[in-house]
Amino acid sequence: MNSSLMRTVLIWISGGALLIAMVVDTLAMFGRALQFPLIGSIEIVQAVVLLAASGALIITTLDRAHARVSLVLNRLPTRWRRRFERLFSVAAAVLFAALLAGSLWIAADLWTGYEESEILRIPYRPLRIAVVLALVALVVLALLRLKTEEER
């Protein structure tokens, strides 16, 4: 699967998940106003926002579009700008690796217990797997970016 196709698929998955979250939350709001609450709407929103946020982080990393203070970076000499770019890539890789380590630790610790949401009984195991896979992708992308920056 090429990068463009993967990006398009991620956009559709993330956008669809965000759309589902908006629809469910809107229906829940109208339901509360009409005295007909949508039970478990918060659990649904939380699960689909996890997918939307994971996809958005991967897309942002693929596009190299993370927030940065360009006002300061653009004023630096090229040599220093490249140093800061490498530093940012290292910091991103370390951050994603730390989040991955913590997520793996929690997943391993709670793997044998069957966790689920209270109302709709949404199992947490698939959500933990989704987080771990997204973080693995983010670590790999951050390391690849670091490698390409060192080759420049």
C-alpha atoms as a PDB file:
ATOM      1  CA  MET A   1       0.000   0.000   0.000  1.00  0.00           C
ATOM      2  CA  ASN A   2       1.550   3.290  -1.028  1.00  0.00           C
ATOM      3  CA  SER A   3       1.719   6.318   1.229  1.00  0.00           C
ATOM      4  CA  SER A   4      -0.988   8.256  -0.606  1.00  0.00           C
ATOM      5  CA  LEU A   5      -3.482   5.403  -0.422  1.00  0.00           C
ATOM      6  CA  MET A   6      -2.668   4.783   3.247  1.00  0.00           C
ATOM      7  CA  ARG A   7      -3.152   8.487   3.986  1.00  0.00           C
ATOM      8  CA  THR A   8      -6.518   8.493   2.173  1.00  0.00           C
ATOM      9  CA  VAL A   9      -7.706   5.396   4.055  1.00  0.00           C
ATOM     10  CA  LEU A  10      -6.644   6.939   7.375  1.00  0.00           C
ATOM     11  CA  ILE A  11      -8.453  10.167   6.549  1.00  0.00           C
ATOM     12  CA  TRP A  12     -11.661   8.267   5.785  1.00  0.00           C
ATOM     13  CA  ILE A  13     -11.396   6.118   8.921  1.00  0.00           C
ATOM     14  CA  SER A  14     -10.532   9.055  11.184  1.00  0.00           C
ATOM     15  CA  GLY A  15     -13.083  11.356   9.587  1.00  0.00           C
ATOM     16  CA  GLY A  16     -15.771   8.682   9.765  1.00  0.00           C
ATOM     17  CA  ALA A  17     -14.994   8.062  13.427  1.00  0.00           C
ATOM     18  CA  LEU A  18     -15.180  11.788  14.147  1.00  0.00           C
ATOM     19  CA  LEU A  19     -18.464  12.020  12.266  1.00  0.00           C
ATOM     20  CA  ILE A  20     -19.874   9.114  14.288  1.00  0.00           C
ATOM     21  CA  ALA A  21     -18.799  10.847  17.503  1.00  0.00           C
ATOM     22  CA  MET A  22     -20.504  14.077  16.439  1.00  0.00           C
ATOM     23  CA  VAL A  23     -23.737  12.320  15.429  1.00  0.00           C
ATOM     24  CA  VAL A  24     -23.905  10.281  18.631  1.00  0.00           C
ATOM     25  CA  ASP A  25     -23.181  13.303  20.814  1.00  0.00           C
ATOM     26  CA  THR A  26     -25.745  15.422  18.938  1.00  0.00           C
ATOM     27  CA  LEU A  27     -28.397  12.719  19.289  1.00  0.00           C
ATOM     28  CA  ALA A  28     -27.572  12.426  22.985  1.00  0.00           C
ATOM     29  CA  MET A  29     -27.930  16.193  23.419  1.00  0.00           C
ATOM     30  CA  PHE A  30     -31.306  16.244  21.653  1.00  0.00           C
ATOM     31  CA  GLY A  31     -32.343  13.171  23.624  1.00  0.00           C
ATOM     32  CA  ARG A  32     -31.569  14.878  26.921  1.00  0.00           C
ATOM     33  CA  ALA A  33     -33.529  17.962  25.831  1.00  0.00           C
ATOM     34  CA  LEU A  34     -36.522  15.788  24.867  1.00  0.00           C
ATOM     35  CA  GLN A  35     -36.315  13.689  28.037  1.00  0.00           C
ATOM     36  CA  PHE A  36     -35.233  10.653  26.005  1.00  0.00           C
ATOM     37  CA  PRO A  37     -31.543  10.135  26.861  1.00  0.00           C
ATOM     38  CA  LEU A  38     -29.223   8.099  24.649  1.00  0.00           C
ATOM     39  CA  ILE A  39     -27.793   5.639  27.165  1.00  0.00           C
ATOM     40  CA  GLY A  40     -24.067   4.962  26.741  1.00  0.00           C
ATOM     41  CA  SER A  41     -23.412   7.823  24.341  1.00  0.00           C
ATOM     42  CA  ILE A  42     -20.303   8.911  26.228  1.00  0.00           C
ATOM     43  CA  GLU A  43     -18.816   5.421  25.919  1.00  0.00           C
ATOM     44  CA  ILE A  44     -19.444   5.366  22.166  1.00  0.00           C
ATOM     45  CA  VAL A  45     -17.945   8.828  21.734  1.00  0.00           C
ATOM     46  CA  GLN A  46     -14.859   7.894  23.751  1.00  0.00           C
ATOM     47  CA  ALA A  47     -14.247   4.741  21.693  1.00  0.00           C
ATOM     48  CA  VAL A  48     -14.592   6.407  18.300  1.00  0.00           C
ATOM     49  CA  VAL A  49     -12.599   9.487  19.317  1.00  0.00           C
ATOM     50  CA  LEU A  50      -9.732   7.134  20.171  1.00  0.00           C
ATOM     51  CA  LEU A  51      -9.781   5.945  16.545  1.00  0.00           C
ATOM     52  CA  ALA A  52     -10.126   9.477  15.193  1.00  0.00           C
ATOM     53  CA  ALA A  53      -7.278  10.825  17.316  1.00  0.00           C
ATOM     54  CA  SER A  54      -4.992   7.904  16.473  1.00  0.00           C
ATOM     55  CA  GLY A  55      -5.568   8.392  12.767  1.00  0.00           C
ATOM     56  CA  ALA A  56      -5.121  12.152  13.046  1.00  0.00           C
ATOM     57  CA  LEU A  57      -1.787  11.745  14.833  1.00  0.00           C
ATOM     58  CA  ILE A  58      -0.527   9.333  12.189  1.00  0.00           C
ATOM     59  CA  ILE A  59      -1.656  11.628   9.342  1.00  0.00           C
ATOM     60  CA  THR A  60      -0.067  14.642  11.025  1.00  0.00           C
ATOM     61  CA  THR A  61       3.184  12.738  11.456  1.00  0.00           C
ATOM     62  CA  LEU A  62       3.119  11.532   7.833  1.00  0.00           C
ATOM     63  CA  ASP A  63       2.566  15.110   6.626  1.00  0.00           C
ATOM     64  CA  ARG A  64       5.136  16.516   9.063  1.00  0.00           C
ATOM     65  CA  ALA A  65       2.503  18.958  10.205  1.00  0.00           C
ATOM     66  CA  HIS A  66       2.911  18.938  13.984  1.00  0.00           C
ATOM     67  CA  ALA A  67       2.652  22.318  15.662  1.00  0.00           C
ATOM     68  CA  ARG A  68       5.867  24.261  15.900  1.00  0.00           C
ATOM     69  CA  VAL A  69       6.976  27.769  16.655  1.00  0.00           C
ATOM     70  CA  SER A  70       7.916  28.811  13.132  1.00  0.00           C
ATOM     71  CA  LEU A  71       8.303  32.428  14.204  1.00  0.00           C
ATOM     72  CA  VAL A  72      11.480  31.448  16.053  1.00  0.00           C
ATOM     73  CA  LEU A  73      12.605  28.617  13.752  1.00  0.00           C
ATOM     74  CA  ASN A  74      12.407  30.701  10.581  1.00  0.00           C
ATOM     75  CA  ARG A  75      14.759  33.273  12.042  1.00  0.00           C
ATOM     76  CA  LEU A  76      17.463  30.735  12.859  1.00  0.00           C
ATOM     77  CA  PRO A  77      20.379  30.042  10.543  1.00  0.00           C
ATOM     78  CA  THR A  78      19.933  26.928   8.392  1.00  0.00           C
ATOM     79  CA  ARG A  79      22.462  24.933  10.405  1.00  0.00           C
ATOM     80  CA  TRP A  80      20.699  25.630  13.704  1.00  0.00           C
ATOM     81  CA  ARG A  81      17.285  25.051  12.160  1.00  0.00           C
ATOM     82  CA  ARG A  82      18.394  21.558  11.076  1.00  0.00           C
ATOM     83  CA  ARG A  83      19.717  20.869  14.568  1.00  0.00           C
ATOM     84  CA  PHE A  84      16.383  21.827  16.076  1.00  0.00           C
ATOM     85  CA  GLU A  85      14.541  19.719  13.476  1.00  0.00           C
ATOM     86  CA  ARG A  86      16.624  16.709  14.552  1.00  0.00           C
ATOM     87  CA  LEU A  87      16.025  17.530  18.208  1.00  0.00           C
ATOM     88  CA  PHE A  88      12.267  17.700  17.560  1.00  0.00           C
ATOM     89  CA  SER A  89      12.391  14.343  15.768  1.00  0.00           C
ATOM     90  CA  VAL A  90      14.279  12.751  18.654  1.00  0.00           C
ATOM     91  CA  ALA A  91      11.835  14.252  21.148  1.00  0.00           C
ATOM     92  CA  ALA A  92       8.853  12.969  19.120  1.00  0.00           C
ATOM     93  CA  ALA A  93      10.355   9.477  18.898  1.00  0.00           C
ATOM     94  CA  VAL A  94      11.057   9.462  22.658  1.00  0.00           C
ATOM     95  CA  LEU A  95       7.557  10.733  23.455  1.00  0.00           C
ATOM     96  CA  PHE A  96       5.849   8.146  21.235  1.00  0.00           C
ATOM     97  CA  ALA A  97       8.119   5.389  22.580  1.00  0.00           C
ATOM     98  CA  ALA A  98       7.308   6.370  26.171  1.00  0.00           C
ATOM     99  CA  LEU A  99       3.579   6.373  25.413  1.00  0.00           C
ATOM    100  CA  LEU A 100       3.985   2.997  23.696  1.00  0.00           C
ATOM    101  CA  ALA A 101       5.862   1.562  26.677  1.00  0.00           C
ATOM    102  CA  GLY A 102       3.191   2.789  29.088  1.00  0.00           C
ATOM    103  CA  SER A 103       0.366   1.490  26.899  1.00  0.00           C
ATOM    104  CA  LEU A 104       2.050  -1.890  26.530  1.00  0.00           C
ATOM    105  CA  TRP A 105       2.619  -2.060  30.268  1.00  0.00           C
ATOM    106  CA  ILE A 106      -1.035  -1.320  31.046  1.00  0.00           C
ATOM    107  CA  ALA A 107      -2.242  -3.706  28.325  1.00  0.00           C
ATOM    108  CA  ALA A 108       0.008  -6.506  29.573  1.00  0.00           C
ATOM    109  CA  ASP A 109      -0.972  -5.906  33.179  1.00  0.00           C
ATOM    110  CA  LEU A 110      -4.701  -5.988  32.417  1.00  0.00           C
ATOM    111  CA  TRP A 111      -4.680  -8.485  29.530  1.00  0.00           C
ATOM    112  CA  THR A 112      -6.056 -11.419  31.541  1.00  0.00           C
ATOM    113  CA  GLY A 113      -8.795  -9.341  33.135  1.00  0.00           C
ATOM    114  CA  TYR A 114     -11.819  -8.757  30.997  1.00  0.00           C
ATOM    115  CA  GLU A 115     -12.328  -5.002  31.106  1.00  0.00           C
ATOM    116  CA  GLU A 116     -15.366  -3.425  29.539  1.00  0.00           C
ATOM    117  CA  SER A 117     -17.305  -0.196  29.729  1.00  0.00           C
ATOM    118  CA  GLU A 118     -19.995  -0.031  32.382  1.00  0.00           C
ATOM    119  CA  ILE A 119     -23.139   0.592  30.360  1.00  0.00           C
ATOM    120  CA  LEU A 120     -22.635  -0.788  26.840  1.00  0.00           C
ATOM    121  CA  ARG A 121     -19.980  -3.320  27.819  1.00  0.00           C
ATOM    122  CA  ILE A 122     -17.581  -2.183  25.090  1.00  0.00           C
ATOM    123  CA  PRO A 123     -14.446  -4.323  25.568  1.00  0.00           C
ATOM    124  CA  TYR A 124     -11.275  -2.358  26.235  1.00  0.00           C
ATOM    125  CA  ARG A 125      -8.856  -4.940  24.817  1.00  0.00           C
ATOM    126  CA  PRO A 126      -9.452  -4.006  21.130  1.00  0.00           C
ATOM    127  CA  LEU A 127      -9.137  -0.329  22.035  1.00  0.00           C
ATOM    128  CA  ARG A 128      -5.823  -0.985  23.762  1.00  0.00           C
ATOM    129  CA  ILE A 129      -4.640  -2.891  20.677  1.00  0.00           C
ATOM    130  CA  ALA A 130      -5.621   0.060  18.486  1.00  0.00           C
ATOM    131  CA  VAL A 131      -3.642   2.448  20.689  1.00  0.00           C
ATOM    132  CA  VAL A 132      -0.586   0.190  20.663  1.00  0.00           C
ATOM    133  CA  LEU A 133      -0.703  -0.196  16.864  1.00  0.00           C
ATOM    134  CA  ALA A 134      -1.078   3.559  16.389  1.00  0.00           C
ATOM    135  CA  LEU A 135       1.853   4.230  18.719  1.00  0.00           C
ATOM    136  CA  VAL A 136       4.015   1.635  16.951  1.00  0.00           C
ATOM    137  CA  ALA A 137       3.267   3.413  13.665  1.00  0.00           C
ATOM    138  CA  LEU A 138       4.115   6.773  15.243  1.00  0.00           C
ATOM    139  CA  VAL A 139       7.425   5.511  16.646  1.00  0.00           C
ATOM    140  CA  VAL A 140       8.376   4.019  13.269  1.00  0.00           C
ATOM    141  CA  LEU A 141       7.439   7.214  11.429  1.00  0.00           C
ATOM    142  CA  ALA A 142       9.386   9.356  13.912  1.00  0.00           C
ATOM    143  CA  LEU A 143      12.464   7.142  13.561  1.00  0.00           C
ATOM    144  CA  LEU A 144      12.202   7.177   9.766  1.00  0.00           C
ATOM    145  CA  ARG A 145      11.963  10.945   9.831  1.00  0.00           C
ATOM    146  CA  LEU A 146      15.028  11.113  12.072  1.00  0.00           C
ATOM    147  CA  LYS A 147      16.921   8.850   9.679  1.00  0.00           C
ATOM    148  CA  THR A 148      16.012  10.954   6.629  1.00  0.00           C
ATOM    149  CA  GLU A 149      17.006  14.143   8.453  1.00  0.00           C
ATOM    150  CA  GLU A 150      20.408  12.687   9.348  1.00  0.00           C
ATOM    151  CA  GLU A 151      20.995  11.787   5.700  1.00  0.00           C
ATOM    152  CA  ARG A 152      20.478  15.416   4.641  1.00  0.00           C
END
